[in-house]
Amino acid sequence: MSAPYDVLPFQRGKTLYQGTPTDTSYIAPCIGEEFRVRDTIHGTNRIVVLRAVRNEADFGGSGSAVEPKRLARLSADGKAIIGYTRLPSEKGYPIDQLLPTAGCAYKDVCYVVVEGPALVLTSLSNYSTDVAARESLNSMTAATSGATTAGRLRQRLLEAATADATAGQRAVTEGNGVWGQAVSTALTNATNSDVLVDVQARTPRG
């Protein structure tokens, strides 16, 4: 990795194959690689670490596009998007906010943010409390990894754990699923809105 900034194999807001991957079996050399760029989008001048990942999400049996600003759930080796996050315990990786609304097509390659500033979408329904700046963030609970409610942020809350015979009802935090902190705030009724977050979701790659 060069210092301090890297040359991207394709630009943010674009995908490697521009939506039409011609060889779906070919694994491009950039897949799984990380690139350091300067944040000129939000004016922080901080380093943003991007990872090139292949979209392997399949929500309906024939492959699915993934949308910008949603939280991706990655494969075990960290090189592929396999859906959106659907549980607070799952770490999320914001999909490149500069992508068009159509997002990243099935088998195409795009960026996710693993470190630094990024925009992420809020819930489709009201929160119980405001999301304040510097709040630790988890992912929303959703029925499936392809639901419209999946891949969205929520503040980390105390969760009631399943009762067990020895400890009874325990209060635990979803600490393992914290993937970042809020930079801007979101009011309870700020549904389907952008929140600037500081992503801290780096995990080892296979």
Protein backbone atom coordinates (compact mmCIF):
# COMPACT_ATOMS: atom_id res chain seq x y z
CA MET A 1 0.00 0.00 0.00
CA SER A 2 1.42 3.36 -0.99
CA ALA A 3 1.57 6.28 1.40
CA PRO A 4 -0.20 8.42 2.14
CA TYR A 5 -2.83 7.91 -0.61
CA ASP A 6 -3.49 5.26 -3.23
CA VAL A 7 -4.47 5.28 -6.89
CA LEU A 8 -7.89 3.70 -7.18
CA PRO A 9 -8.45 0.95 -9.78
CA PHE A 10 -11.81 2.63 -10.51
CA GLN A 11 -13.30 5.84 -9.17
CA ARG A 12 -15.71 6.20 -6.29
CA GLY A 13 -19.25 6.43 -7.61
CA LYS A 14 -18.35 3.90 -10.30
CA THR A 15 -18.09 0.12 -10.39
CA LEU A 16 -15.39 -2.01 -11.96
CA TYR A 17 -17.62 -3.30 -14.76
CA GLN A 18 -20.01 -0.34 -14.96
CA GLY A 19 -22.99 -2.57 -14.20
CA THR A 20 -22.38 -5.21 -16.87
CA PRO A 21 -19.82 -7.80 -15.70
CA THR A 22 -19.00 -9.93 -18.76
CA ASP A 23 -17.15 -12.76 -17.02
CA THR A 24 -18.86 -13.60 -13.74
CA SER A 25 -16.28 -16.25 -12.82
CA TYR A 26 -13.23 -13.97 -13.11
CA ILE A 27 -11.90 -12.62 -9.80
CA ALA A 28 -10.27 -9.26 -10.51
CA PRO A 29 -6.97 -8.65 -8.67
CA CYS A 30 -8.39 -5.59 -6.87
CA ILE A 31 -11.09 -7.60 -5.08
CA GLY A 32 -10.41 -7.63 -1.35
CA GLU A 33 -7.73 -4.94 -1.61
CA GLU A 34 -7.90 -1.76 0.48
CA PHE A 35 -7.13 1.76 -0.69
CA ARG A 36 -6.48 4.93 1.30
CA VAL A 37 -7.96 8.16 -0.06
CA ARG A 38 -8.49 11.65 1.33
CA ASP A 39 -12.01 12.64 2.38
CA THR A 40 -12.75 15.58 0.12
CA ILE A 41 -16.49 14.81 0.09
CA HIS A 42 -17.31 15.92 3.64
CA GLY A 43 -14.42 18.36 4.02
CA THR A 44 -12.73 16.49 6.88
CA ASN A 45 -9.50 15.77 4.96
CA ARG A 46 -9.28 12.54 6.95
CA ILE A 47 -8.14 9.25 5.49
CA VAL A 48 -10.91 6.98 4.24
CA VAL A 49 -10.08 3.31 3.78
CA LEU A 50 -12.04 1.71 0.95
CA ARG A 51 -12.20 -2.00 0.16
CA ALA A 52 -13.07 -3.30 -3.29
CA VAL A 53 -15.65 -6.07 -2.91
CA ARG A 54 -17.67 -8.20 -5.29
CA ASN A 55 -21.45 -8.16 -5.04
CA GLU A 56 -22.60 -11.73 -4.37
CA ALA A 57 -25.93 -10.76 -2.79
CA ASP A 58 -28.87 -12.84 -3.94
CA PHE A 59 -32.23 -11.77 -2.52
CA GLY A 60 -34.52 -13.42 -5.03
CA GLY A 61 -32.77 -16.34 -6.70
CA SER A 62 -31.24 -14.53 -9.67
CA GLY A 63 -28.78 -12.11 -8.06
CA SER A 64 -29.45 -8.65 -6.70
CA ALA A 65 -28.01 -5.16 -6.92
CA VAL A 66 -26.98 -3.49 -3.65
CA GLU A 67 -27.69 0.16 -2.96
CA PRO A 68 -25.47 3.03 -1.81
CA LYS A 69 -25.42 4.12 1.86
CA ARG A 70 -26.74 0.73 3.02
CA LEU A 71 -24.68 -1.44 5.37
CA ALA A 72 -23.19 -4.46 3.64
CA ARG A 73 -22.70 -7.81 5.32
CA LEU A 74 -19.46 -9.31 4.02
CA SER A 75 -18.35 -12.88 3.43
CA ALA A 76 -16.03 -14.54 5.93
CA ASP A 77 -12.97 -13.56 3.88
CA GLY A 78 -14.20 -9.95 3.62
CA LYS A 79 -14.09 -9.90 -0.17
CA ALA A 80 -17.76 -10.15 -1.12
CA ILE A 81 -21.09 -8.55 -0.22
CA ILE A 82 -23.51 -11.34 0.68
CA GLY A 83 -26.41 -9.11 1.73
CA TYR A 84 -27.30 -6.22 3.98
CA THR A 85 -26.91 -6.44 7.74
CA ARG A 86 -30.06 -7.63 9.52
CA LEU A 87 -28.97 -8.11 13.13
CA PRO A 88 -27.41 -5.69 15.66
CA SER A 89 -24.58 -8.17 16.21
CA GLU A 90 -23.47 -7.99 12.55
CA LYS A 91 -20.80 -5.48 11.61
CA GLY A 92 -21.81 -3.27 8.71
CA TYR A 93 -19.73 -1.76 5.93
CA PRO A 94 -21.27 1.30 4.21
CA ILE A 95 -21.63 0.82 0.46
CA ASP A 96 -20.08 3.65 -1.58
CA GLN A 97 -22.37 6.64 -1.12
CA LEU A 98 -21.47 8.06 -4.53
CA LEU A 99 -22.97 5.17 -6.47
CA PRO A 100 -26.14 5.95 -8.45
CA THR A 101 -29.47 4.88 -7.00
CA ALA A 102 -29.32 1.60 -8.91
CA GLY A 103 -26.23 0.72 -6.90
CA CYS A 104 -23.82 -2.11 -7.69
CA ALA A 105 -25.09 -4.86 -9.98
CA TYR A 106 -24.82 -8.56 -9.17
CA LYS A 107 -21.24 -9.84 -9.72
CA ASP A 108 -19.96 -6.28 -10.24
CA VAL A 109 -17.32 -4.77 -7.94
CA CYS A 110 -17.72 -1.64 -5.82
CA TYR A 111 -16.24 -0.07 -2.69
CA VAL A 112 -17.30 -0.33 0.91
CA VAL A 113 -15.90 1.91 3.64
CA VAL A 114 -13.99 0.12 6.39
CA GLU A 115 -12.61 3.20 8.09
CA GLY A 116 -13.35 6.94 8.07
CA PRO A 117 -16.28 9.25 7.22
CA ALA A 118 -19.27 7.91 5.27
CA LEU A 119 -23.00 8.42 4.89
CA VAL A 120 -25.41 5.72 6.07
CA LEU A 121 -29.20 5.61 5.91
CA THR A 122 -31.47 5.71 8.94
CA SER A 123 -34.47 3.53 9.73
CA LEU A 124 -37.69 3.60 7.67
CA SER A 125 -39.66 4.08 10.89
CA ASN A 126 -39.21 6.44 13.82
CA TYR A 127 -36.52 5.73 16.39
CA SER A 128 -37.50 5.57 20.04
CA THR A 129 -34.88 8.24 20.83
CA ASP A 130 -32.69 10.60 18.83
CA VAL A 131 -29.39 9.28 17.51
CA ALA A 132 -26.86 11.69 19.00
CA ALA A 133 -23.40 12.56 17.75
CA ARG A 134 -20.69 10.26 19.16
CA GLU A 135 -23.24 7.47 19.74
CA SER A 136 -21.92 3.97 19.05
CA LEU A 137 -23.83 2.36 16.20
CA ASN A 138 -25.24 -1.07 15.46
CA SER A 139 -27.39 -2.28 12.57
CA MET A 140 -31.17 -2.37 12.50
CA THR A 141 -32.98 -5.67 12.98
CA ALA A 142 -34.69 -6.90 9.81
CA ALA A 143 -36.51 -10.05 8.76
CA THR A 144 -34.09 -10.85 5.92
CA SER A 145 -30.80 -9.54 4.55
CA GLY A 146 -32.63 -8.23 1.50
CA ALA A 147 -35.47 -6.42 3.28
CA THR A 148 -35.93 -2.68 2.77
CA THR A 149 -35.42 -2.31 6.53
CA ALA A 150 -32.03 -4.10 6.42
CA GLY A 151 -28.62 -2.43 6.20
CA ARG A 152 -29.61 0.65 8.20
CA LEU A 153 -28.15 2.20 11.33
CA ARG A 154 -29.37 2.39 14.90
CA GLN A 155 -27.72 3.45 18.12
CA ARG A 156 -26.30 0.71 20.29
CA LEU A 157 -28.82 -0.20 22.97
CA LEU A 158 -29.02 -2.55 25.89
CA GLU A 159 -30.62 -5.74 24.67
CA ALA A 160 -32.56 -8.21 26.78
CA ALA A 161 -30.79 -11.53 26.37
CA THR A 162 -32.62 -14.84 26.25
CA ALA A 163 -33.37 -16.08 29.72
CA ASP A 164 -31.23 -18.94 30.95
CA ALA A 165 -31.55 -21.21 33.94
CA THR A 166 -28.55 -19.88 35.84
CA ALA A 167 -28.42 -16.16 35.20
CA GLY A 168 -32.07 -15.42 34.46
CA GLN A 169 -32.73 -12.41 32.24
CA ARG A 170 -29.45 -10.64 31.53
CA ALA A 171 -28.76 -7.23 30.02
CA VAL A 172 -26.04 -7.29 27.39
CA THR A 173 -24.81 -4.81 24.83
CA GLU A 174 -24.39 -5.57 21.17
CA GLY A 175 -20.73 -4.62 21.42
CA ASN A 176 -19.55 -7.12 18.83
CA GLY A 177 -21.71 -5.48 16.20
CA VAL A 178 -20.52 -1.90 16.74
CA TRP A 179 -19.14 -0.71 13.41
CA GLY A 180 -18.78 3.04 14.02
CA GLN A 181 -19.94 6.23 15.69
CA ALA A 182 -22.39 8.89 14.61
CA VAL A 183 -20.86 12.22 13.61
CA SER A 184 -24.10 14.02 12.81
CA THR A 185 -27.39 13.55 14.65
CA ALA A 186 -30.67 11.98 13.56
CA LEU A 187 -33.95 12.93 15.21
CA THR A 188 -36.49 10.26 16.04
CA ASN A 189 -38.54 11.08 12.93
CA ALA A 190 -35.59 11.44 10.52
CA THR A 191 -36.59 8.38 8.51
CA ASN A 192 -34.65 7.16 5.46
CA SER A 193 -32.18 10.02 5.93
CA ASP A 194 -28.42 10.37 5.67
CA VAL A 195 -26.26 10.33 8.79
CA LEU A 196 -22.55 11.08 8.67
CA VAL A 197 -20.72 8.37 10.54
CA ASP A 198 -17.15 7.55 11.50
CA VAL A 199 -16.68 3.98 10.36
CA GLN A 200 -14.45 1.72 12.46
CA ALA A 201 -15.34 -1.66 10.98
CA ARG A 202 -11.97 -3.03 9.95
CA THR A 203 -11.73 -6.82 10.26
CA PRO A 204 -9.07 -9.26 9.03
CA ARG A 205 -9.33 -10.42 5.45
CA GLY A 206 -8.84 -13.98 4.33
